[in-house]
Amino acid sequence: MRRKIAAGNWKMNGTSAALAELEQLGTSLPQNAPTVIICPPAPLLFRACEAAKGIAIGAQDCHMQSSGAYTGDISAGMIADSGATYVIVGHSERRDAHEETNAMVRDKAEAAWAAGLTPILCIGEALEDREADNTLNIIGGQLAGSLPSDVSAENTVIAYEPIWAIGTGKVPTLEQIIEVHDFIRSRLIARFGEDIGNAIPLLYGGSVKPDNAATIFKAENVDGALVGGASLKASDFAPIIAALAAC
């Protein structure tokens, strides 16, 4: 059985007052809760780790180097020092706004491993790629270029986030989600073999809400979700977690 994971990416939202949502979320987890991860802004990492009960904490990005003259960046080792155990790498907002390449994302994933963190590696296509029926080519290229060779089910999580669905309210059809997740699974098996390829958790992200989560989680190769805005409030995220636990 693959791990079920509900991860929340707070992006550039939240101050110390938002940590009350972590405490509320921790008290609402069902007994059979999946792995729950919250990725707050970097200044909140230490306090989030202290406030979290039954919830893992992750960062939203890391630098590929362990230290150096990189003003404004944070290393994977610094993240681990805060008590966090996960880090998002390759999010489309980083790939786009910060021009991160597949090679940079791969280096960040390896830096995360070196620090004892589990990377949540993001891939996804833009709207023009979807409309040009080029989705699988983009996903295949990102997988090949971003994913390091020493992958295992224990050290890596993959999140598929169609860029055109992030924060827009637009959600792919269940058939479209299934097509991409099945494709990712087949590529993982082809590259790493049946045991590893079948065991790596695959998350879906892109306008996941309490009212559509249960439908999305019906897909065989969807093992959870990477959630943006709906993870900011415990009252919104808790039903998504419950839907995943019920699958």
Protein backbone atom coordinates (compact mmCIF):
# COMPACT_ATOMS: atom_id res chain seq x y z
CA MET A 1 0.00 0.00 0.00
CA ARG A 2 1.33 3.44 -0.93
CA ARG A 3 1.38 6.23 1.60
CA LYS A 4 -1.56 8.62 1.50
CA ILE A 5 -0.45 12.23 1.84
CA ALA A 6 -2.33 15.49 2.26
CA ALA A 7 0.11 18.37 1.89
CA GLY A 8 -0.70 22.05 2.26
CA ASN A 9 1.34 24.81 0.63
CA TRP A 10 0.65 28.13 2.34
CA LYS A 11 2.79 30.00 -0.22
CA MET A 12 3.40 33.64 0.83
CA ASN A 13 0.53 33.69 3.27
CA GLY A 14 0.35 33.67 7.04
CA THR A 15 1.97 35.26 10.07
CA SER A 16 2.44 33.84 13.55
CA ALA A 17 -1.30 34.19 14.15
CA ALA A 18 -1.90 31.55 11.46
CA LEU A 19 -0.21 28.91 13.61
CA ALA A 20 -3.51 28.59 15.49
CA GLU A 21 -4.80 26.85 12.34
CA LEU A 22 -2.13 24.16 12.82
CA GLU A 23 -3.26 23.52 16.37
CA GLN A 24 -6.90 23.36 15.27
CA LEU A 25 -6.06 21.02 12.41
CA GLY A 26 -4.13 18.71 14.71
CA THR A 27 -7.14 18.26 16.96
CA SER A 28 -9.44 17.43 14.02
CA LEU A 29 -7.43 14.62 12.41
CA PRO A 30 -9.29 11.31 12.05
CA GLN A 31 -7.80 8.22 13.69
CA ASN A 32 -6.85 6.78 10.29
CA ALA A 33 -5.46 10.10 9.04
CA PRO A 34 -3.01 10.05 6.15
CA THR A 35 0.35 11.77 6.44
CA VAL A 36 -0.47 15.46 6.79
CA ILE A 37 2.15 18.07 5.83
CA ILE A 38 1.95 21.84 6.09
CA CYS A 39 4.49 24.01 4.25
CA PRO A 40 4.35 27.52 5.75
CA PRO A 41 6.52 30.50 4.79
CA ALA A 42 10.15 30.13 5.87
CA PRO A 43 9.97 32.58 8.83
CA LEU A 44 7.33 30.35 10.45
CA LEU A 45 9.18 27.04 10.15
CA PHE A 46 10.61 26.86 13.68
CA ARG A 47 7.38 27.92 15.37
CA ALA A 48 5.29 25.69 13.11
CA CYS A 49 7.35 22.67 14.13
CA GLU A 50 6.72 23.54 17.77
CA ALA A 51 2.98 24.07 17.24
CA ALA A 52 2.30 21.04 15.05
CA LYS A 53 0.77 17.99 16.70
CA GLY A 54 0.46 14.97 14.43
CA ILE A 55 1.38 17.12 11.43
CA ALA A 56 4.68 17.17 9.53
CA ILE A 57 6.18 20.50 8.53
CA GLY A 58 7.89 21.28 5.24
CA ALA A 59 9.46 24.26 3.52
CA GLN A 60 8.41 25.68 0.15
CA ASP A 61 11.86 25.68 -1.47
CA CYS A 62 15.55 25.18 -0.74
CA HIS A 63 18.82 26.15 -2.36
CA MET A 64 20.88 23.45 -4.05
CA GLN A 65 24.02 24.47 -2.15
CA SER A 66 24.53 23.74 1.54
CA SER A 67 25.89 27.24 2.30
CA GLY A 68 27.42 30.26 0.62
CA ALA A 69 26.84 33.77 -0.68
CA TYR A 70 23.20 33.30 -1.68
CA THR A 71 21.39 36.24 -0.13
CA GLY A 72 17.78 35.53 0.68
CA ASP A 73 17.99 31.77 0.10
CA ILE A 74 17.76 28.98 2.65
CA SER A 75 19.60 25.67 2.54
CA ALA A 76 18.10 22.25 3.08
CA GLY A 77 20.25 21.92 6.20
CA MET A 78 18.73 25.08 7.67
CA ILE A 79 15.28 23.69 6.98
CA ALA A 80 16.13 20.42 8.70
CA ASP A 81 17.55 22.37 11.64
CA SER A 82 14.14 23.96 12.15
CA GLY A 83 12.63 20.51 12.68
CA ALA A 84 10.94 20.35 9.29
CA THR A 85 11.11 17.08 7.38
CA TYR A 86 9.82 17.92 3.89
CA VAL A 87 10.52 20.54 1.23
CA ILE A 88 8.72 21.40 -2.01
CA VAL A 89 11.00 21.60 -5.04
CA GLY A 90 10.18 22.53 -8.62
CA HIS A 91 6.83 24.21 -7.97
CA SER A 92 5.60 25.86 -11.16
CA GLU A 93 5.71 29.27 -9.51
CA ARG A 94 9.43 28.73 -8.89
CA ARG A 95 10.05 27.28 -12.34
CA ASP A 96 8.30 30.27 -13.93
CA ALA A 97 9.05 33.33 -11.82
CA HIS A 98 12.56 32.22 -10.83
CA GLU A 99 13.38 30.46 -14.11
CA GLU A 100 14.25 27.18 -12.39
CA THR A 101 15.32 24.49 -14.82
CA ASN A 102 14.85 20.73 -14.53
CA ALA A 103 18.54 20.43 -13.64
CA MET A 104 18.16 22.95 -10.82
CA VAL A 105 15.15 21.10 -9.46
CA ARG A 106 17.07 17.82 -9.57
CA ASP A 107 19.95 19.42 -7.65
CA LYS A 108 17.53 20.75 -5.05
CA ALA A 109 16.02 17.30 -4.57
CA GLU A 110 19.48 15.85 -4.02
CA ALA A 111 20.30 18.65 -1.56
CA ALA A 112 17.12 17.79 0.32
CA TRP A 113 18.17 14.15 0.58
CA ALA A 114 21.63 15.13 1.82
CA ALA A 115 19.99 17.08 4.66
CA GLY A 116 17.61 14.26 5.55
CA LEU A 117 14.54 15.92 4.03
CA THR A 118 11.94 14.40 1.74
CA PRO A 119 11.39 16.48 -1.40
CA ILE A 120 7.90 16.93 -2.81
CA LEU A 121 8.87 17.27 -6.47
CA CYS A 122 6.37 19.18 -8.60
CA ILE A 123 5.70 18.81 -12.30
CA GLY A 124 2.95 20.20 -14.52
CA GLU A 125 2.01 21.68 -17.87
CA ALA A 126 0.88 25.16 -18.87
CA LEU A 127 -2.48 25.85 -20.51
CA GLU A 128 -0.91 26.21 -23.95
CA ASP A 129 0.64 22.76 -23.58
CA ARG A 130 -2.70 21.26 -22.61
CA GLU A 131 -4.48 22.95 -25.51
CA ALA A 132 -1.76 21.77 -27.92
CA ASP A 133 -2.19 18.19 -26.67
CA ASN A 134 1.42 18.29 -25.49
CA THR A 135 0.82 17.51 -21.82
CA LEU A 136 2.44 14.08 -21.68
CA ASN A 137 5.54 15.26 -23.53
CA ILE A 138 6.01 18.07 -21.01
CA ILE A 139 5.41 15.78 -18.04
CA GLY A 140 7.74 13.14 -19.42
CA GLY A 141 10.49 15.68 -19.96
CA GLN A 142 10.13 17.14 -16.48
CA LEU A 143 10.22 13.68 -14.92
CA ALA A 144 13.32 12.69 -16.85
CA GLY A 145 15.15 15.94 -16.14
CA SER A 146 14.05 16.74 -12.57
CA LEU A 147 14.00 13.36 -10.88
CA PRO A 148 17.36 12.08 -9.59
CA SER A 149 18.39 8.47 -10.01
CA ASP A 150 18.43 7.38 -6.35
CA VAL A 151 14.69 7.66 -5.88
CA SER A 152 12.74 5.50 -3.46
CA ALA A 153 9.25 5.49 -2.02
CA GLU A 154 10.70 6.62 1.29
CA ASN A 155 12.71 9.59 0.08
CA THR A 156 10.56 11.21 -2.61
CA VAL A 157 6.99 12.37 -3.26
CA ILE A 158 5.85 13.54 -6.70
CA ALA A 159 3.09 16.11 -7.19
CA TYR A 160 1.36 16.70 -10.51
CA GLU A 161 0.01 20.24 -10.70
CA PRO A 162 -1.39 21.46 -14.03
CA ILE A 163 -0.30 25.09 -13.99
CA TRP A 164 -3.58 26.27 -15.50
CA ALA A 165 -5.51 24.80 -12.56
CA ILE A 166 -3.45 26.29 -9.71
CA GLY A 167 -5.54 28.86 -7.87
CA THR A 168 -7.86 29.37 -10.83
CA GLY A 169 -10.78 27.22 -9.75
CA LYS A 170 -10.38 25.24 -12.98
CA VAL A 171 -10.01 21.53 -12.37
CA PRO A 172 -9.13 18.91 -14.99
CA THR A 173 -11.68 16.20 -15.56
CA LEU A 174 -11.17 13.01 -13.61
CA GLU A 175 -10.25 11.35 -16.89
CA GLN A 176 -7.50 13.92 -17.52
CA ILE A 177 -6.10 13.48 -14.02
CA ILE A 178 -6.15 9.70 -14.39
CA GLU A 179 -4.39 9.90 -17.76
CA VAL A 180 -1.49 11.94 -16.39
CA HIS A 181 -1.12 10.01 -13.14
CA ASP A 182 -1.19 6.69 -14.97
CA PHE A 183 1.43 8.05 -17.37
CA ILE A 184 3.66 9.17 -14.50
CA ARG A 185 3.31 5.76 -12.84
CA SER A 186 4.25 3.98 -16.06
CA ARG A 187 7.34 6.18 -16.50
CA LEU A 188 8.42 5.54 -12.91
CA ILE A 189 8.06 1.78 -13.37
CA ALA A 190 9.97 1.88 -16.64
CA ARG A 191 12.84 3.80 -15.06
CA PHE A 192 13.03 2.37 -11.54
CA GLY A 193 11.34 -1.01 -11.78
CA GLU A 194 8.04 -2.36 -10.48
CA ASP A 195 8.79 -2.24 -6.75
CA ILE A 196 9.99 1.37 -6.59
CA GLY A 197 7.86 2.69 -9.43
CA ASN A 198 4.66 1.36 -7.91
CA ALA A 199 5.48 2.61 -4.41
CA ILE A 200 6.29 6.30 -4.93
CA PRO A 201 3.36 8.47 -3.78
CA LEU A 202 1.77 10.64 -6.48
CA LEU A 203 -0.17 13.71 -5.39
CA TYR A 204 -2.54 15.85 -7.42
CA GLY A 205 -2.60 19.61 -6.98
CA GLY A 206 -4.65 22.33 -8.61
CA SER A 207 -7.80 23.86 -7.08
CA VAL A 208 -8.45 20.90 -4.77
CA LYS A 209 -11.41 21.78 -2.55
CA PRO A 210 -13.56 19.97 0.01
CA ASP A 211 -16.31 19.52 -2.59
CA ASN A 212 -14.14 17.84 -5.26
CA ALA A 213 -11.51 16.00 -3.21
CA ALA A 214 -13.41 12.73 -2.84
CA THR A 215 -13.91 12.47 -6.60
CA ILE A 216 -10.23 13.15 -7.34
CA PHE A 217 -9.09 10.58 -4.78
CA LYS A 218 -11.03 7.86 -6.59
CA ALA A 219 -8.29 7.69 -9.21
CA GLU A 220 -6.09 4.63 -8.68
CA ASN A 221 -2.78 6.47 -8.98
CA VAL A 222 -3.75 9.54 -6.98
CA ASP A 223 -2.33 9.01 -3.50
CA GLY A 224 -3.23 12.39 -2.07
CA ALA A 225 -3.10 16.09 -2.78
CA LEU A 226 -0.88 19.15 -2.67
CA VAL A 227 -3.32 21.86 -1.68
CA GLY A 228 -2.86 25.62 -1.88
CA GLY A 229 -5.51 28.05 -0.69
CA ALA A 230 -7.75 25.42 0.89
CA SER A 231 -4.94 24.47 3.30
CA LEU A 232 -4.81 27.91 4.94
CA LYS A 233 -7.83 27.22 7.15
CA ALA A 234 -8.25 24.08 9.19
CA SER A 235 -11.98 24.15 8.46
CA ASP A 236 -11.26 23.86 4.71
CA PHE A 237 -8.33 21.43 4.86
CA ALA A 238 -9.84 19.00 7.39
CA PRO A 239 -12.59 17.77 5.01
CA ILE A 240 -9.97 17.12 2.29
CA ILE A 241 -7.93 15.09 4.76
CA ALA A 242 -11.06 13.20 5.81
CA ALA A 243 -11.91 12.44 2.18
CA LEU A 244 -8.45 11.01 1.64
CA ALA A 245 -8.64 8.95 4.81
CA ALA A 246 -11.94 7.47 3.62
CA CYS A 247 -10.50 6.24 0.31
